[in-house]
Amino acid sequence: MADTSTECKQAPGLFGPVVNFGKCEAKGDCVRVCPESVFEVRRIDDADFQPLGFLNKLKIRVHGMKVAYTPNIDACLACGLCVAACPEKAITLSRRQ
């Protein structure tokens, strides 16, 4: 794990990444760059898949029914590396509290 204390100025969990499942192509760049291991790429949950439009559902099927999730979101220090690394621009940082 990298030392993010000089790069990230936010307390853990204050901000967190929000993944737009309609844009995510599960390439995993977010997983590779996140120093806090916030992300994982896995099969999309039915509850997240069902509300998507036809084209987004088709895109997700082409990409193996996988998207990025944030199971360790409370560790996020808002460094923004995931936002910069995502080639689809599917990740934004949002205030959580």
PDB file of N, CA and C in Angstrom:
ATOM      1  N   MET A   1       0.843  -1.173   0.000  1.00  0.00           N
ATOM      2  CA  MET A   1       0.000   0.000   0.000  1.00  0.00           C
ATOM      3  C   MET A   1       0.886   1.233   0.000  1.00  0.00           C
ATOM      4  N   ALA A   2       0.566   2.197  -0.854  1.00  0.00           N
ATOM      5  CA  ALA A   2       1.352   3.411  -0.975  1.00  0.00           C
ATOM      6  C   ALA A   2       1.046   4.365   0.173  1.00  0.00           C
ATOM      7  N   ASP A   3       1.994   5.250   0.453  1.00  0.00           N
ATOM      8  CA  ASP A   3       1.777   6.269   1.473  1.00  0.00           C
ATOM      9  C   ASP A   3       0.992   7.398   0.831  1.00  0.00           C
ATOM     10  N   THR A   4      -0.277   7.505   1.163  1.00  0.00           N
ATOM     11  CA  THR A   4      -1.131   8.528   0.570  1.00  0.00           C
ATOM     12  C   THR A   4      -1.302   9.723   1.484  1.00  0.00           C
ATOM     13  N   SER A   5      -0.644   9.746   2.627  1.00  0.00           N
ATOM     14  CA  SER A   5      -0.839  10.817   3.604  1.00  0.00           C
ATOM     15  C   SER A   5      -0.476  12.185   3.042  1.00  0.00           C
ATOM     16  N   THR A   6       0.501  12.269   2.143  1.00  0.00           N
ATOM     17  CA  THR A   6       0.865  13.557   1.580  1.00  0.00           C
ATOM     18  C   THR A   6       0.029  13.892   0.353  1.00  0.00           C
ATOM     19  N   GLU A   7      -0.564  12.898  -0.294  1.00  0.00           N
ATOM     20  CA  GLU A   7      -1.332  13.113  -1.508  1.00  0.00           C
ATOM     21  C   GLU A   7      -2.812  13.361  -1.223  1.00  0.00           C
ATOM     22  N   CYS A   8      -3.331  12.725  -0.209  1.00  0.00           N
ATOM     23  CA  CYS A   8      -4.760  12.773   0.079  1.00  0.00           C
ATOM     24  C   CYS A   8      -4.988  13.529   1.375  1.00  0.00           C
ATOM     25  N   LYS A   9      -5.856  14.502   1.306  1.00  0.00           N
ATOM     26  CA  LYS A   9      -6.064  15.367   2.456  1.00  0.00           C
ATOM     27  C   LYS A   9      -7.370  15.098   3.202  1.00  0.00           C
ATOM     28  N   GLN A  10      -8.162  14.158   2.733  1.00  0.00           N
ATOM     29  CA  GLN A  10      -9.466  13.893   3.346  1.00  0.00           C
ATOM     30  C   GLN A  10      -9.400  12.718   4.317  1.00  0.00           C
ATOM     31  N   ALA A  11     -10.241  12.795   5.317  1.00  0.00           N
ATOM     32  CA  ALA A  11     -10.352  11.689   6.268  1.00  0.00           C
ATOM     33  C   ALA A  11     -10.980  10.489   5.563  1.00  0.00           C
ATOM     34  N   PRO A  12     -10.601   9.277   5.963  1.00  0.00           N
ATOM     35  CA  PRO A  12     -11.191   8.091   5.342  1.00  0.00           C
ATOM     36  C   PRO A  12     -12.709   8.104   5.450  1.00  0.00           C
ATOM     37  N   GLY A  13     -13.382   7.806   4.351  1.00  0.00           N
ATOM     38  CA  GLY A  13     -14.827   7.676   4.344  1.00  0.00           C
ATOM     39  C   GLY A  13     -15.600   8.965   4.140  1.00  0.00           C
ATOM     40  N   LEU A  14     -14.944  10.128   4.172  1.00  0.00           N
ATOM     41  CA  LEU A  14     -15.650  11.401   3.985  1.00  0.00           C
ATOM     42  C   LEU A  14     -16.144  11.538   2.547  1.00  0.00           C
ATOM     43  N   PHE A  15     -15.303  11.162   1.607  1.00  0.00           N
ATOM     44  CA  PHE A  15     -15.673  11.113   0.197  1.00  0.00           C
ATOM     45  C   PHE A  15     -15.563   9.670  -0.261  1.00  0.00           C
ATOM     46  N   GLY A  16     -16.256   9.360  -1.336  1.00  0.00           N
ATOM     47  CA  GLY A  16     -16.169   8.008  -1.857  1.00  0.00           C
ATOM     48  C   GLY A  16     -16.431   7.978  -3.338  1.00  0.00           C
ATOM     49  N   PRO A  17     -15.888   6.981  -4.017  1.00  0.00           N
ATOM     50  CA  PRO A  17     -16.120   6.851  -5.450  1.00  0.00           C
ATOM     51  C   PRO A  17     -17.526   6.333  -5.738  1.00  0.00           C
ATOM     52  N   VAL A  18     -18.108   6.884  -6.781  1.00  0.00           N
ATOM     53  CA  VAL A  18     -19.410   6.433  -7.271  1.00  0.00           C
ATOM     54  C   VAL A  18     -19.187   5.930  -8.688  1.00  0.00           C
ATOM     55  N   VAL A  19     -19.536   4.677  -8.931  1.00  0.00           N
ATOM     56  CA  VAL A  19     -19.333   4.060 -10.238  1.00  0.00           C
ATOM     57  C   VAL A  19     -20.637   4.106 -11.027  1.00  0.00           C
ATOM     58  N   ASN A  20     -20.570   4.660 -12.228  1.00  0.00           N
ATOM     59  CA  ASN A  20     -21.704   4.660 -13.142  1.00  0.00           C
ATOM     60  C   ASN A  20     -21.661   3.327 -13.891  1.00  0.00           C
ATOM     61  N   PHE A  21     -22.542   2.413 -13.522  1.00  0.00           N
ATOM     62  CA  PHE A  21     -22.524   1.071 -14.106  1.00  0.00           C
ATOM     63  C   PHE A  21     -22.809   1.088 -15.612  1.00  0.00           C
ATOM     64  N   GLY A  22     -23.535   2.095 -16.069  1.00  0.00           N
ATOM     65  CA  GLY A  22     -23.816   2.207 -17.497  1.00  0.00           C
ATOM     66  C   GLY A  22     -22.590   2.539 -18.324  1.00  0.00           C
ATOM     67  N   LYS A  23     -21.577   3.107 -17.699  1.00  0.00           N
ATOM     68  CA  LYS A  23     -20.334   3.449 -18.404  1.00  0.00           C
ATOM     69  C   LYS A  23     -19.213   2.454 -18.131  1.00  0.00           C
ATOM     70  N   CYS A  24     -19.229   1.793 -16.990  1.00  0.00           N
ATOM     71  CA  CYS A  24     -18.126   0.929 -16.573  1.00  0.00           C
ATOM     72  C   CYS A  24     -17.972  -0.264 -17.506  1.00  0.00           C
ATOM     73  N   GLU A  25     -16.731  -0.508 -17.929  1.00  0.00           N
ATOM     74  CA  GLU A  25     -16.422  -1.659 -18.777  1.00  0.00           C
ATOM     75  C   GLU A  25     -15.553  -2.685 -18.058  1.00  0.00           C
ATOM     76  N   ALA A  26     -15.436  -2.568 -16.757  1.00  0.00           N
ATOM     77  CA  ALA A  26     -14.744  -3.555 -15.915  1.00  0.00           C
ATOM     78  C   ALA A  26     -13.293  -3.793 -16.325  1.00  0.00           C
ATOM     79  N   LYS A  27     -12.613  -2.761 -16.776  1.00  0.00           N
ATOM     80  CA  LYS A  27     -11.213  -2.916 -17.188  1.00  0.00           C
ATOM     81  C   LYS A  27     -10.271  -3.038 -16.001  1.00  0.00           C
ATOM     82  N   GLY A  28     -10.694  -2.583 -14.822  1.00  0.00           N
ATOM     83  CA  GLY A  28      -9.917  -2.789 -13.614  1.00  0.00           C
ATOM     84  C   GLY A  28      -8.820  -1.770 -13.345  1.00  0.00           C
ATOM     85  N   ASP A  29      -8.760  -0.693 -14.113  1.00  0.00           N
ATOM     86  CA  ASP A  29      -7.746   0.331 -13.851  1.00  0.00           C
ATOM     87  C   ASP A  29      -7.908   0.907 -12.447  1.00  0.00           C
ATOM     88  N   CYS A  30      -9.142   1.050 -11.993  1.00  0.00           N
ATOM     89  CA  CYS A  30      -9.408   1.574 -10.650  1.00  0.00           C
ATOM     90  C   CYS A  30      -8.830   0.652  -9.583  1.00  0.00           C
ATOM     91  N   VAL A  31      -8.950  -0.638  -9.795  1.00  0.00           N
ATOM     92  CA  VAL A  31      -8.409  -1.622  -8.846  1.00  0.00           C
ATOM     93  C   VAL A  31      -6.894  -1.480  -8.757  1.00  0.00           C
ATOM     94  N   ARG A  32      -6.259  -1.333  -9.906  1.00  0.00           N
ATOM     95  CA  ARG A  32      -4.791  -1.263  -9.956  1.00  0.00           C
ATOM     96  C   ARG A  32      -4.225   0.010  -9.337  1.00  0.00           C
ATOM     97  N   VAL A  33      -4.903   1.158  -9.479  1.00  0.00           N
ATOM     98  CA  VAL A  33      -4.324   2.416  -9.000  1.00  0.00           C
ATOM     99  C   VAL A  33      -4.722   2.789  -7.578  1.00  0.00           C
ATOM    100  N   CYS A  34      -5.760   2.193  -7.043  1.00  0.00           N
ATOM    101  CA  CYS A  34      -6.251   2.593  -5.720  1.00  0.00           C
ATOM    102  C   CYS A  34      -5.297   2.121  -4.622  1.00  0.00           C
ATOM    103  N   PRO A  35      -4.699   3.068  -3.884  1.00  0.00           N
ATOM    104  CA  PRO A  35      -3.767   2.688  -2.815  1.00  0.00           C
ATOM    105  C   PRO A  35      -4.458   2.133  -1.580  1.00  0.00           C
ATOM    106  N   GLU A  36      -5.776   2.270  -1.504  1.00  0.00           N
ATOM    107  CA  GLU A  36      -6.521   1.821  -0.324  1.00  0.00           C
ATOM    108  C   GLU A  36      -7.362   0.582  -0.592  1.00  0.00           C
ATOM    109  N   SER A  37      -7.224  -0.028  -1.753  1.00  0.00           N
ATOM    110  CA  SER A  37      -7.966  -1.255  -2.123  1.00  0.00           C
ATOM    111  C   SER A  37      -9.474  -1.100  -1.962  1.00  0.00           C
ATOM    112  N   VAL A  38      -9.999   0.011  -2.446  1.00  0.00           N
ATOM    113  CA  VAL A  38     -11.428   0.305  -2.347  1.00  0.00           C
ATOM    114  C   VAL A  38     -12.247  -0.526  -3.340  1.00  0.00           C
ATOM    115  N   PHE A  39     -11.681  -0.834  -4.504  1.00  0.00           N
ATOM    116  CA  PHE A  39     -12.433  -1.431  -5.610  1.00  0.00           C
ATOM    117  C   PHE A  39     -12.241  -2.931  -5.759  1.00  0.00           C
ATOM    118  N   GLU A  40     -13.258  -3.539  -6.391  1.00  0.00           N
ATOM    119  CA  GLU A  40     -13.149  -4.890  -6.919  1.00  0.00           C
ATOM    120  C   GLU A  40     -14.002  -4.948  -8.177  1.00  0.00           C
ATOM    121  N   VAL A  41     -13.595  -5.760  -9.126  1.00  0.00           N
ATOM    122  CA  VAL A  41     -14.385  -5.984 -10.333  1.00  0.00           C
ATOM    123  C   VAL A  41     -15.030  -7.344 -10.182  1.00  0.00           C
ATOM    124  N   ARG A  42     -16.358  -7.362 -10.328  1.00  0.00           N
ATOM    125  CA  ARG A  42     -17.101  -8.617 -10.174  1.00  0.00           C
ATOM    126  C   ARG A  42     -18.399  -8.549 -10.972  1.00  0.00           C
ATOM    127  N   ARG A  43     -19.108  -9.652 -10.975  1.00  0.00           N
ATOM    128  CA  ARG A  43     -20.392  -9.728 -11.678  1.00  0.00           C
ATOM    129  C   ARG A  43     -21.356  -8.691 -11.115  1.00  0.00           C
ATOM    130  N   ILE A  44     -22.055  -8.007 -12.007  1.00  0.00           N
ATOM    131  CA  ILE A  44     -23.013  -6.993 -11.588  1.00  0.00           C
ATOM    132  C   ILE A  44     -24.199  -7.642 -10.882  1.00  0.00           C
ATOM    133  N   ASP A  45     -24.645  -7.029  -9.802  1.00  0.00           N
ATOM    134  CA  ASP A  45     -25.820  -7.507  -9.074  1.00  0.00           C
ATOM    135  C   ASP A  45     -27.070  -7.291  -9.927  1.00  0.00           C
ATOM    136  N   ASP A  46     -28.031  -8.201  -9.828  1.00  0.00           N
ATOM    137  CA  ASP A  46     -29.280  -8.068 -10.582  1.00  0.00           C
ATOM    138  C   ASP A  46     -29.969  -6.742 -10.285  1.00  0.00           C
ATOM    139  N   ALA A  47     -29.951  -6.305  -9.037  1.00  0.00           N
ATOM    140  CA  ALA A  47     -30.605  -5.047  -8.648  1.00  0.00           C
ATOM    141  C   ALA A  47     -29.962  -3.835  -9.328  1.00  0.00           C
ATOM    142  N   ASP A  48     -28.682  -3.918  -9.650  1.00  0.00           N
ATOM    143  CA  ASP A  48     -28.006  -2.826 -10.349  1.00  0.00           C
ATOM    144  C   ASP A  48     -28.146  -2.954 -11.868  1.00  0.00           C
ATOM    145  N   PHE A  49     -28.323  -4.172 -12.348  1.00  0.00           N
ATOM    146  CA  PHE A  49     -28.440  -4.424 -13.780  1.00  0.00           C
ATOM    147  C   PHE A  49     -29.829  -4.093 -14.315  1.00  0.00           C
ATOM    148  N   GLN A  50     -30.866  -4.467 -13.592  1.00  0.00           N
ATOM    149  CA  GLN A  50     -32.240  -4.343 -14.087  1.00  0.00           C
ATOM    150  C   GLN A  50     -32.661  -2.921 -14.473  1.00  0.00           C
ATOM    151  N   PRO A  51     -32.321  -1.885 -13.705  1.00  0.00           N
ATOM    152  CA  PRO A  51     -32.790  -0.539 -14.085  1.00  0.00           C
ATOM    153  C   PRO A  51     -32.048   0.092 -15.274  1.00  0.00           C
ATOM    154  N   LEU A  52     -30.981  -0.524 -15.744  1.00  0.00           N
ATOM    155  CA  LEU A  52     -30.227   0.038 -16.859  1.00  0.00           C
ATOM    156  C   LEU A  52     -31.009  -0.068 -18.157  1.00  0.00           C
ATOM    157  N   GLY A  53     -30.728   0.841 -19.061  1.00  0.00           N
ATOM    158  CA  GLY A  53     -31.366   0.825 -20.370  1.00  0.00           C
ATOM    159  C   GLY A  53     -30.827  -0.305 -21.235  1.00  0.00           C
ATOM    160  N   PHE A  54     -31.492  -0.543 -22.357  1.00  0.00           N
ATOM    161  CA  PHE A  54     -31.142  -1.648 -23.245  1.00  0.00           C
ATOM    162  C   PHE A  54     -29.682  -1.602 -23.685  1.00  0.00           C
ATOM    163  N   LEU A  55     -29.228  -0.441 -24.160  1.00  0.00           N
ATOM    164  CA  LEU A  55     -27.850  -0.339 -24.657  1.00  0.00           C
ATOM    165  C   LEU A  55     -26.830  -0.561 -23.544  1.00  0.00           C
ATOM    166  N   ASN A  56     -27.100  -0.053 -22.360  1.00  0.00           N
ATOM    167  CA  ASN A  56     -26.193  -0.275 -21.232  1.00  0.00           C
ATOM    168  C   ASN A  56     -26.156  -1.747 -20.839  1.00  0.00           C
ATOM    169  N   LYS A  57     -27.297  -2.395 -20.860  1.00  0.00           N
ATOM    170  CA  LYS A  57     -27.339  -3.834 -20.557  1.00  0.00           C
ATOM    171  C   LYS A  57     -26.541  -4.619 -21.596  1.00  0.00           C
ATOM    172  N   LEU A  58     -26.688  -4.251 -22.843  1.00  0.00           N
ATOM    173  CA  LEU A  58     -25.946  -4.916 -23.912  1.00  0.00           C
ATOM    174  C   LEU A  58     -24.439  -4.723 -23.724  1.00  0.00           C
ATOM    175  N   LYS A  59     -24.046  -3.510 -23.401  1.00  0.00           N
ATOM    176  CA  LYS A  59     -22.630  -3.209 -23.181  1.00  0.00           C
ATOM    177  C   LYS A  59     -22.069  -4.042 -22.027  1.00  0.00           C
ATOM    178  N   ILE A  60     -22.818  -4.149 -20.948  1.00  0.00           N
ATOM    179  CA  ILE A  60     -22.365  -4.926 -19.794  1.00  0.00           C
ATOM    180  C   ILE A  60     -22.260  -6.409 -20.155  1.00  0.00           C
ATOM    181  N   ARG A  61     -23.199  -6.896 -20.944  1.00  0.00           N
ATOM    182  CA  ARG A  61     -23.115  -8.297 -21.389  1.00  0.00           C
ATOM    183  C   ARG A  61     -21.841  -8.527 -22.216  1.00  0.00           C
ATOM    184  N   VAL A  62     -21.510  -7.594 -23.087  1.00  0.00           N
ATOM    185  CA  VAL A  62     -20.298  -7.705 -23.908  1.00  0.00           C
ATOM    186  C   VAL A  62     -19.050  -7.757 -23.025  1.00  0.00           C
ATOM    187  N   HIS A  63     -19.095  -7.077 -21.898  1.00  0.00           N
ATOM    188  CA  HIS A  63     -17.953  -7.030 -20.984  1.00  0.00           C
ATOM    189  C   HIS A  63     -18.054  -8.079 -19.871  1.00  0.00           C
ATOM    190  N   GLY A  64     -18.731  -9.157 -20.151  1.00  0.00           N
ATOM    191  CA  GLY A  64     -18.741 -10.291 -19.243  1.00  0.00           C
ATOM    192  C   GLY A  64     -19.619 -10.135 -18.015  1.00  0.00           C
ATOM    193  N   MET A  65     -20.579  -9.210 -18.070  1.00  0.00           N
ATOM    194  CA  MET A  65     -21.504  -8.969 -16.940  1.00  0.00           C
ATOM    195  C   MET A  65     -20.742  -8.493 -15.697  1.00  0.00           C
ATOM    196  N   LYS A  66     -19.616  -7.828 -15.892  1.00  0.00           N
ATOM    197  CA  LYS A  66     -18.817  -7.359 -14.761  1.00  0.00           C
ATOM    198  C   LYS A  66     -18.725  -5.846 -14.740  1.00  0.00           C
ATOM    199  N   VAL A  67     -18.643  -5.301 -13.519  1.00  0.00           N
ATOM    200  CA  VAL A  67     -18.447  -3.878 -13.284  1.00  0.00           C
ATOM    201  C   VAL A  67     -17.592  -3.714 -12.032  1.00  0.00           C
ATOM    202  N   ALA A  68     -17.187  -2.495 -11.763  1.00  0.00           N
ATOM    203  CA  ALA A  68     -16.414  -2.200 -10.554  1.00  0.00           C
ATOM    204  C   ALA A  68     -17.363  -1.866  -9.407  1.00  0.00           C
ATOM    205  N   TYR A  69     -17.090  -2.462  -8.267  1.00  0.00           N
ATOM    206  CA  TYR A  69     -17.806  -2.150  -7.028  1.00  0.00           C
ATOM    207  C   TYR A  69     -16.812  -1.611  -6.002  1.00  0.00           C
ATOM    208  N   THR A  70     -17.344  -1.022  -4.947  1.00  0.00           N
ATOM    209  CA  THR A  70     -16.507  -0.382  -3.923  1.00  0.00           C
ATOM    210  C   THR A  70     -16.760  -0.983  -2.537  1.00  0.00           C
ATOM    211  N   PRO A  71     -16.356  -2.227  -2.326  1.00  0.00           N
ATOM    212  CA  PRO A  71     -16.636  -2.873  -1.037  1.00  0.00           C
ATOM    213  C   PRO A  71     -15.869  -2.265   0.141  1.00  0.00           C
ATOM    214  N   ASN A  72     -14.791  -1.561  -0.131  1.00  0.00           N
ATOM    215  CA  ASN A  72     -13.991  -0.962   0.929  1.00  0.00           C
ATOM    216  C   ASN A  72     -14.062   0.564   0.862  1.00  0.00           C
ATOM    217  N   ILE A  73     -15.241   1.086   0.557  1.00  0.00           N
ATOM    218  CA  ILE A  73     -15.424   2.524   0.346  1.00  0.00           C
ATOM    219  C   ILE A  73     -15.047   3.356   1.578  1.00  0.00           C
ATOM    220  N   ASP A  74     -15.194   2.804   2.758  1.00  0.00           N
ATOM    221  CA  ASP A  74     -14.870   3.552   3.971  1.00  0.00           C
ATOM    222  C   ASP A  74     -13.384   3.873   4.096  1.00  0.00           C
ATOM    223  N   ALA A  75     -12.544   3.214   3.320  1.00  0.00           N
ATOM    224  CA  ALA A  75     -11.101   3.478   3.357  1.00  0.00           C
ATOM    225  C   ALA A  75     -10.683   4.581   2.384  1.00  0.00           C
ATOM    226  N   CYS A  76     -11.596   5.049   1.534  1.00  0.00           N
ATOM    227  CA  CYS A  76     -11.267   6.039   0.512  1.00  0.00           C
ATOM    228  C   CYS A  76     -10.770   7.337   1.137  1.00  0.00           C
ATOM    229  N   LEU A  77      -9.636   7.833   0.626  1.00  0.00           N
ATOM    230  CA  LEU A  77      -9.052   9.094   1.085  1.00  0.00           C
ATOM    231  C   LEU A  77      -9.225  10.207   0.054  1.00  0.00           C
ATOM    232  N   ALA A  78     -10.006   9.977  -0.966  1.00  0.00           N
ATOM    233  CA  ALA A  78     -10.329  10.962  -2.000  1.00  0.00           C
ATOM    234  C   ALA A  78      -9.106  11.457  -2.762  1.00  0.00           C
ATOM    235  N   CYS A  79      -8.178  10.565  -3.063  1.00  0.00           N
ATOM    236  CA  CYS A  79      -6.976  10.972  -3.804  1.00  0.00           C
ATOM    237  C   CYS A  79      -7.285  11.241  -5.267  1.00  0.00           C
ATOM    238  N   GLY A  80      -8.359  10.640  -5.806  1.00  0.00           N
ATOM    239  CA  GLY A  80      -8.766  10.878  -7.175  1.00  0.00           C
ATOM    240  C   GLY A  80      -8.043  10.051  -8.222  1.00  0.00           C
ATOM    241  N   LEU A  81      -7.175   9.144  -7.801  1.00  0.00           N
ATOM    242  CA  LEU A  81      -6.447   8.319  -8.773  1.00  0.00           C
ATOM    243  C   LEU A  81      -7.393   7.467  -9.610  1.00  0.00           C
ATOM    244  N   CYS A  82      -8.454   6.977  -9.006  1.00  0.00           N
ATOM    245  CA  CYS A  82      -9.418   6.140  -9.725  1.00  0.00           C
ATOM    246  C   CYS A  82     -10.145   6.946 -10.797  1.00  0.00           C
ATOM    247  N   VAL A  83     -10.498   8.181 -10.467  1.00  0.00           N
ATOM    248  CA  VAL A  83     -11.193   9.044 -11.428  1.00  0.00           C
ATOM    249  C   VAL A  83     -10.306   9.281 -12.641  1.00  0.00           C
ATOM    250  N   ALA A  84      -9.047   9.592 -12.392  1.00  0.00           N
ATOM    251  CA  ALA A  84      -8.107   9.858 -13.480  1.00  0.00           C
ATOM    252  C   ALA A  84      -7.802   8.605 -14.296  1.00  0.00           C
ATOM    253  N   ALA A  85      -7.786   7.445 -13.657  1.00  0.00           N
ATOM    254  CA  ALA A  85      -7.396   6.201 -14.339  1.00  0.00           C
ATOM    255  C   ALA A  85      -8.507   5.585 -15.174  1.00  0.00           C
ATOM    256  N   CYS A  86      -9.747   5.867 -14.864  1.00  0.00           N
ATOM    257  CA  CYS A  86     -10.861   5.209 -15.558  1.00  0.00           C
ATOM    258  C   CYS A  86     -10.982   5.691 -17.001  1.00  0.00           C
ATOM    259  N   PRO A  87     -10.750   4.808 -17.978  1.00  0.00           N
ATOM    260  CA  PRO A  87     -10.810   5.223 -19.378  1.00  0.00           C
ATOM    261  C   PRO A  87     -12.221   5.567 -19.847  1.00  0.00           C
ATOM    262  N   GLU A  88     -13.236   5.087 -19.147  1.00  0.00           N
ATOM    263  CA  GLU A  88     -14.619   5.366 -19.534  1.00  0.00           C
ATOM    264  C   GLU A  88     -15.203   6.570 -18.799  1.00  0.00           C
ATOM    265  N   LYS A  89     -14.437   7.144 -17.892  1.00  0.00           N
ATOM    266  CA  LYS A  89     -14.928   8.261 -17.065  1.00  0.00           C
ATOM    267  C   LYS A  89     -16.192   7.842 -16.319  1.00  0.00           C
ATOM    268  N   ALA A  90     -16.164   6.629 -15.780  1.00  0.00           N
ATOM    269  CA  ALA A  90     -17.325   6.066 -15.087  1.00  0.00           C
ATOM    270  C   ALA A  90     -17.295   6.310 -13.582  1.00  0.00           C
ATOM    271  N   ILE A  91     -16.230   6.947 -13.073  1.00  0.00           N
ATOM    272  CA  ILE A  91     -16.086   7.133 -11.626  1.00  0.00           C
ATOM    273  C   ILE A  91     -16.049   8.614 -11.283  1.00  0.00           C
ATOM    274  N   THR A  92     -16.827   8.979 -10.274  1.00  0.00           N
ATOM    275  CA  THR A  92     -16.766  10.320  -9.702  1.00  0.00           C
ATOM    276  C   THR A  92     -16.581  10.189  -8.198  1.00  0.00           C
ATOM    277  N   LEU A  93     -16.058  11.231  -7.574  1.00  0.00           N
ATOM    278  CA  LEU A  93     -15.950  11.255  -6.118  1.00  0.00           C
ATOM    279  C   LEU A  93     -17.096  12.089  -5.585  1.00  0.00           C
ATOM    280  N   SER A  94     -17.719  11.596  -4.537  1.00  0.00           N
ATOM    281  CA  SER A  94     -18.872  12.280  -3.956  1.00  0.00           C
ATOM    282  C   SER A  94     -18.738  12.314  -2.437  1.00  0.00           C
ATOM    283  N   ARG A  95     -19.164  13.403  -1.835  1.00  0.00           N
ATOM    284  CA  ARG A  95     -19.176  13.535  -0.389  1.00  0.00           C
ATOM    285  C   ARG A  95     -20.183  12.544   0.192  1.00  0.00           C
ATOM    286  N   ARG A  96     -19.798  11.819   1.216  1.00  0.00           N
ATOM    287  CA  ARG A  96     -20.654  10.776   1.785  1.00  0.00           C
ATOM    288  C   ARG A  96     -21.341  11.211   3.065  1.00  0.00           C
ATOM    289  N   GLN A  97     -20.792  12.171   3.787  1.00  0.00           N
ATOM    290  CA  GLN A  97     -21.346  12.518   5.104  1.00  0.00           C
ATOM    291  C   GLN A  97     -21.845  13.939   5.127  1.00  0.00           C
TER     292      GLN A  97
END
